[in-house]
Amino acid sequence: MSLEIRREFNAEERRWDMVLTGEVDISNAAQLRGELNKMLEEKAAPATIDIKDLSYIDSTGLGVIIGAYERMKEHGYAMKMVNPAKNVEKLLKITSLDRIFL
């Protein structure tokens, strides 16, 4: 399955809203990294990533998310994930990333 990424700047909330649909794996992690980098380059602001329709994420995808989180943190902004599917939430809990992102 492929990855669909939608993002827009929410001027009212002064944050980026991103929606991920599909799967994040080694074949499309660079696409996600590029979109996350563009957000920070276009407008440094907090980000919320809606992952309710994300059915799978592998370690490469998690690494991309962690890297983006670190870059945002360096600039003083937060990044969180919302609405995880049960299997993705389980993975985040197993890796203790739920403490950072949820």
N, C-alpha and C. Protein backbone atom coordinates (compact mmCIF):
# COMPACT_ATOMS: atom_id res chain seq x y z
N MET A 1 0.84 -1.20 0.00
CA MET A 1 0.00 0.00 0.00
C MET A 1 0.87 1.24 0.00
N SER A 2 0.35 2.28 -0.53
CA SER A 2 1.11 3.52 -0.63
C SER A 2 0.81 4.44 0.56
N LEU A 3 1.47 5.55 0.54
CA LEU A 3 1.31 6.56 1.57
C LEU A 3 0.73 7.81 0.96
N GLU A 4 -0.30 8.34 1.57
CA GLU A 4 -0.86 9.64 1.18
C GLU A 4 -0.61 10.60 2.32
N ILE A 5 -0.08 11.76 1.98
CA ILE A 5 0.24 12.78 2.98
C ILE A 5 -0.50 14.06 2.60
N ARG A 6 -1.29 14.55 3.54
CA ARG A 6 -1.93 15.85 3.37
C ARG A 6 -1.45 16.74 4.50
N ARG A 7 -1.11 17.97 4.16
CA ARG A 7 -0.67 18.90 5.20
C ARG A 7 -1.14 20.30 4.87
N GLU A 8 -1.45 21.04 5.90
CA GLU A 8 -1.80 22.44 5.72
C GLU A 8 -1.52 23.18 7.01
N PHE A 9 -1.25 24.46 6.86
CA PHE A 9 -1.02 25.29 8.03
C PHE A 9 -2.34 25.82 8.52
N ASN A 10 -2.65 25.57 9.76
CA ASN A 10 -3.88 26.04 10.40
C ASN A 10 -3.56 27.39 11.03
N ALA A 11 -3.91 28.46 10.32
CA ALA A 11 -3.56 29.81 10.78
C ALA A 11 -4.25 30.16 12.09
N GLU A 12 -5.48 29.69 12.26
CA GLU A 12 -6.21 29.99 13.49
C GLU A 12 -5.53 29.39 14.71
N GLU A 13 -5.06 28.15 14.59
CA GLU A 13 -4.39 27.47 15.70
C GLU A 13 -2.88 27.69 15.69
N ARG A 14 -2.37 28.30 14.62
CA ARG A 14 -0.94 28.53 14.44
C ARG A 14 -0.13 27.24 14.56
N ARG A 15 -0.55 26.23 13.77
CA ARG A 15 0.14 24.95 13.77
C ARG A 15 -0.05 24.25 12.43
N TRP A 16 0.82 23.31 12.17
CA TRP A 16 0.68 22.45 11.01
C TRP A 16 -0.22 21.29 11.35
N ASP A 17 -1.10 20.95 10.44
CA ASP A 17 -1.94 19.76 10.55
C ASP A 17 -1.56 18.84 9.40
N MET A 18 -1.17 17.63 9.75
CA MET A 18 -0.79 16.64 8.74
C MET A 18 -1.65 15.40 8.95
N VAL A 19 -2.08 14.79 7.85
CA VAL A 19 -2.85 13.56 7.90
C VAL A 19 -2.10 12.52 7.08
N LEU A 20 -1.82 11.37 7.71
CA LEU A 20 -1.15 10.26 7.03
C LEU A 20 -2.16 9.15 6.79
N THR A 21 -2.20 8.65 5.57
CA THR A 21 -3.10 7.56 5.20
C THR A 21 -2.29 6.48 4.50
N GLY A 22 -2.49 5.23 4.92
CA GLY A 22 -1.81 4.11 4.28
C GLY A 22 -0.73 3.54 5.16
N GLU A 23 0.44 3.32 4.58
CA GLU A 23 1.56 2.71 5.29
C GLU A 23 2.82 3.54 5.12
N VAL A 24 3.63 3.57 6.19
CA VAL A 24 4.95 4.19 6.11
C VAL A 24 5.96 3.08 6.28
N ASP A 25 6.81 2.90 5.27
CA ASP A 25 7.86 1.90 5.35
C ASP A 25 9.08 2.41 4.60
N ILE A 26 10.07 1.56 4.46
CA ILE A 26 11.33 1.98 3.85
C ILE A 26 11.14 2.52 2.43
N SER A 27 10.11 2.06 1.74
CA SER A 27 9.91 2.48 0.35
C SER A 27 9.40 3.91 0.22
N ASN A 28 8.78 4.47 1.27
CA ASN A 28 8.24 5.82 1.16
C ASN A 28 8.62 6.73 2.34
N ALA A 29 9.52 6.28 3.19
CA ALA A 29 9.94 7.08 4.33
C ALA A 29 10.57 8.40 3.90
N ALA A 30 11.30 8.39 2.78
CA ALA A 30 11.92 9.63 2.29
C ALA A 30 10.86 10.66 1.90
N GLN A 31 9.74 10.19 1.37
CA GLN A 31 8.64 11.09 1.02
C GLN A 31 8.12 11.78 2.28
N LEU A 32 7.93 11.01 3.35
CA LEU A 32 7.46 11.58 4.61
C LEU A 32 8.49 12.56 5.16
N ARG A 33 9.76 12.18 5.15
CA ARG A 33 10.82 13.05 5.64
C ARG A 33 10.81 14.38 4.88
N GLY A 34 10.65 14.31 3.57
CA GLY A 34 10.61 15.53 2.76
C GLY A 34 9.47 16.45 3.13
N GLU A 35 8.29 15.88 3.34
CA GLU A 35 7.13 16.71 3.71
C GLU A 35 7.30 17.32 5.10
N LEU A 36 7.84 16.56 6.03
CA LEU A 36 8.08 17.10 7.37
C LEU A 36 9.12 18.22 7.33
N ASN A 37 10.16 18.04 6.54
CA ASN A 37 11.18 19.09 6.40
C ASN A 37 10.60 20.34 5.76
N LYS A 38 9.75 20.16 4.75
CA LYS A 38 9.12 21.32 4.09
C LYS A 38 8.29 22.13 5.08
N MET A 39 7.59 21.44 5.97
CA MET A 39 6.77 22.16 6.94
C MET A 39 7.65 23.09 7.77
N LEU A 40 8.74 22.57 8.29
CA LEU A 40 9.61 23.36 9.14
C LEU A 40 10.27 24.50 8.36
N GLU A 41 10.61 24.26 7.10
CA GLU A 41 11.22 25.29 6.27
C GLU A 41 10.22 26.39 5.90
N GLU A 42 8.98 26.00 5.61
CA GLU A 42 7.97 26.97 5.18
C GLU A 42 7.50 27.85 6.33
N LYS A 43 7.28 27.24 7.48
CA LYS A 43 6.81 27.99 8.65
C LYS A 43 7.10 27.17 9.89
N ALA A 44 8.03 27.64 10.70
CA ALA A 44 8.36 26.94 11.94
C ALA A 44 7.17 27.10 12.90
N ALA A 45 6.55 25.99 13.24
CA ALA A 45 5.38 26.00 14.11
C ALA A 45 5.14 24.59 14.63
N PRO A 46 4.36 24.45 15.69
CA PRO A 46 4.02 23.11 16.18
C PRO A 46 3.29 22.31 15.10
N ALA A 47 3.28 20.99 15.27
CA ALA A 47 2.62 20.13 14.29
C ALA A 47 1.79 19.06 14.98
N THR A 48 0.64 18.77 14.40
CA THR A 48 -0.21 17.67 14.83
C THR A 48 -0.36 16.73 13.64
N ILE A 49 -0.05 15.46 13.87
CA ILE A 49 -0.13 14.46 12.81
C ILE A 49 -1.26 13.50 13.13
N ASP A 50 -2.28 13.49 12.31
CA ASP A 50 -3.43 12.60 12.48
C ASP A 50 -3.10 11.28 11.81
N ILE A 51 -3.09 10.21 12.60
CA ILE A 51 -2.70 8.90 12.08
C ILE A 51 -3.83 7.87 12.18
N LYS A 52 -5.06 8.34 12.18
CA LYS A 52 -6.18 7.41 12.30
C LYS A 52 -6.27 6.46 11.11
N ASP A 53 -5.82 6.88 9.94
CA ASP A 53 -5.86 6.05 8.74
C ASP A 53 -4.49 5.50 8.36
N LEU A 54 -3.56 5.55 9.31
CA LEU A 54 -2.25 4.94 9.10
C LEU A 54 -2.34 3.50 9.56
N SER A 55 -2.23 2.57 8.62
CA SER A 55 -2.41 1.15 8.96
C SER A 55 -1.13 0.46 9.36
N TYR A 56 0.04 1.07 9.04
CA TYR A 56 1.31 0.42 9.34
C TYR A 56 2.42 1.45 9.33
N ILE A 57 3.39 1.27 10.22
CA ILE A 57 4.61 2.07 10.19
C ILE A 57 5.74 1.18 10.66
N ASP A 58 6.85 1.16 9.92
CA ASP A 58 7.98 0.32 10.30
C ASP A 58 9.04 1.17 11.02
N SER A 59 10.16 0.55 11.34
CA SER A 59 11.20 1.24 12.11
C SER A 59 11.79 2.41 11.33
N THR A 60 11.85 2.31 10.01
CA THR A 60 12.34 3.42 9.20
C THR A 60 11.41 4.62 9.34
N GLY A 61 10.11 4.36 9.27
CA GLY A 61 9.13 5.43 9.43
C GLY A 61 9.19 6.06 10.81
N LEU A 62 9.34 5.21 11.82
CA LEU A 62 9.47 5.74 13.19
C LEU A 62 10.71 6.61 13.31
N GLY A 63 11.79 6.19 12.66
CA GLY A 63 13.01 6.99 12.68
C GLY A 63 12.81 8.36 12.05
N VAL A 64 12.05 8.42 10.97
CA VAL A 64 11.74 9.70 10.31
C VAL A 64 10.95 10.59 11.26
N ILE A 65 9.95 10.02 11.92
CA ILE A 65 9.12 10.79 12.86
C ILE A 65 9.97 11.30 14.03
N ILE A 66 10.82 10.43 14.56
CA ILE A 66 11.68 10.84 15.69
C ILE A 66 12.63 11.95 15.26
N GLY A 67 13.21 11.83 14.07
CA GLY A 67 14.10 12.88 13.57
C GLY A 67 13.39 14.21 13.43
N ALA A 68 12.17 14.18 12.89
CA ALA A 68 11.39 15.41 12.75
C ALA A 68 11.05 16.00 14.11
N TYR A 69 10.71 15.14 15.05
CA TYR A 69 10.40 15.58 16.41
C TYR A 69 11.61 16.32 17.00
N GLU A 70 12.81 15.74 16.83
CA GLU A 70 14.02 16.35 17.37
C GLU A 70 14.28 17.72 16.72
N ARG A 71 14.11 17.81 15.40
CA ARG A 71 14.31 19.09 14.72
C ARG A 71 13.30 20.13 15.20
N MET A 72 12.06 19.72 15.36
CA MET A 72 11.03 20.66 15.85
C MET A 72 11.37 21.12 17.27
N LYS A 73 11.79 20.16 18.09
CA LYS A 73 12.14 20.47 19.48
C LYS A 73 13.30 21.47 19.54
N GLU A 74 14.29 21.31 18.65
CA GLU A 74 15.42 22.24 18.60
C GLU A 74 14.97 23.67 18.32
N HIS A 75 13.88 23.80 17.56
CA HIS A 75 13.33 25.12 17.24
C HIS A 75 12.29 25.59 18.25
N GLY A 76 12.06 24.79 19.29
CA GLY A 76 11.14 25.17 20.35
C GLY A 76 9.69 24.84 20.10
N TYR A 77 9.43 23.90 19.18
CA TYR A 77 8.05 23.54 18.84
C TYR A 77 7.75 22.09 19.17
N ALA A 78 6.49 21.83 19.44
CA ALA A 78 6.05 20.48 19.77
C ALA A 78 5.50 19.77 18.54
N MET A 79 5.53 18.46 18.59
CA MET A 79 4.92 17.64 17.54
C MET A 79 4.22 16.49 18.24
N LYS A 80 2.95 16.27 17.88
CA LYS A 80 2.23 15.15 18.49
C LYS A 80 1.45 14.40 17.42
N MET A 81 1.13 13.17 17.75
CA MET A 81 0.32 12.33 16.88
C MET A 81 -1.02 12.12 17.58
N VAL A 82 -2.08 12.09 16.78
CA VAL A 82 -3.42 11.92 17.34
C VAL A 82 -4.17 10.82 16.59
N ASN A 83 -5.14 10.23 17.26
CA ASN A 83 -6.06 9.24 16.68
C ASN A 83 -5.38 8.00 16.11
N PRO A 84 -4.44 7.39 16.83
CA PRO A 84 -3.78 6.22 16.25
C PRO A 84 -4.72 5.01 16.15
N ALA A 85 -4.56 4.25 15.07
CA ALA A 85 -5.25 2.96 14.97
C ALA A 85 -4.67 2.06 16.06
N LYS A 86 -5.41 1.05 16.45
CA LYS A 86 -5.01 0.18 17.57
C LYS A 86 -3.63 -0.43 17.36
N ASN A 87 -3.35 -0.94 16.14
CA ASN A 87 -2.07 -1.59 15.92
C ASN A 87 -0.90 -0.59 15.97
N VAL A 88 -1.11 0.61 15.49
CA VAL A 88 -0.07 1.63 15.54
C VAL A 88 0.11 2.12 16.97
N GLU A 89 -0.98 2.28 17.69
CA GLU A 89 -0.89 2.67 19.10
C GLU A 89 -0.12 1.63 19.90
N LYS A 90 -0.36 0.36 19.61
CA LYS A 90 0.35 -0.73 20.30
C LYS A 90 1.85 -0.62 20.04
N LEU A 91 2.24 -0.38 18.81
CA LEU A 91 3.65 -0.22 18.46
C LEU A 91 4.26 0.96 19.21
N LEU A 92 3.55 2.07 19.25
CA LEU A 92 4.06 3.25 19.96
C LEU A 92 4.23 2.96 21.46
N LYS A 93 3.33 2.18 22.03
CA LYS A 93 3.44 1.81 23.44
C LYS A 93 4.61 0.87 23.68
N ILE A 94 4.77 -0.13 22.81
CA ILE A 94 5.88 -1.08 22.95
C ILE A 94 7.22 -0.37 22.89
N THR A 95 7.34 0.62 22.04
CA THR A 95 8.59 1.36 21.88
C THR A 95 8.70 2.55 22.84
N SER A 96 7.70 2.73 23.68
CA SER A 96 7.60 3.86 24.63
C SER A 96 7.52 5.22 23.94
N LEU A 97 7.25 5.23 22.65
CA LEU A 97 7.10 6.50 21.94
C LEU A 97 5.75 7.16 22.23
N ASP A 98 4.83 6.40 22.81
CA ASP A 98 3.55 6.99 23.20
C ASP A 98 3.75 8.11 24.21
N ARG A 99 4.79 8.00 25.03
CA ARG A 99 5.07 9.02 26.04
C ARG A 99 5.48 10.36 25.41
N ILE A 100 6.01 10.27 24.20
CA ILE A 100 6.47 11.48 23.51
C ILE A 100 5.39 12.03 22.59
N PHE A 101 4.75 11.13 21.83
CA PHE A 101 3.89 11.57 20.74
C PHE A 101 2.40 11.60 21.04
N LEU A 102 1.92 10.82 21.98
CA LEU A 102 0.47 10.76 22.20
C LEU A 102 0.06 11.60 23.39
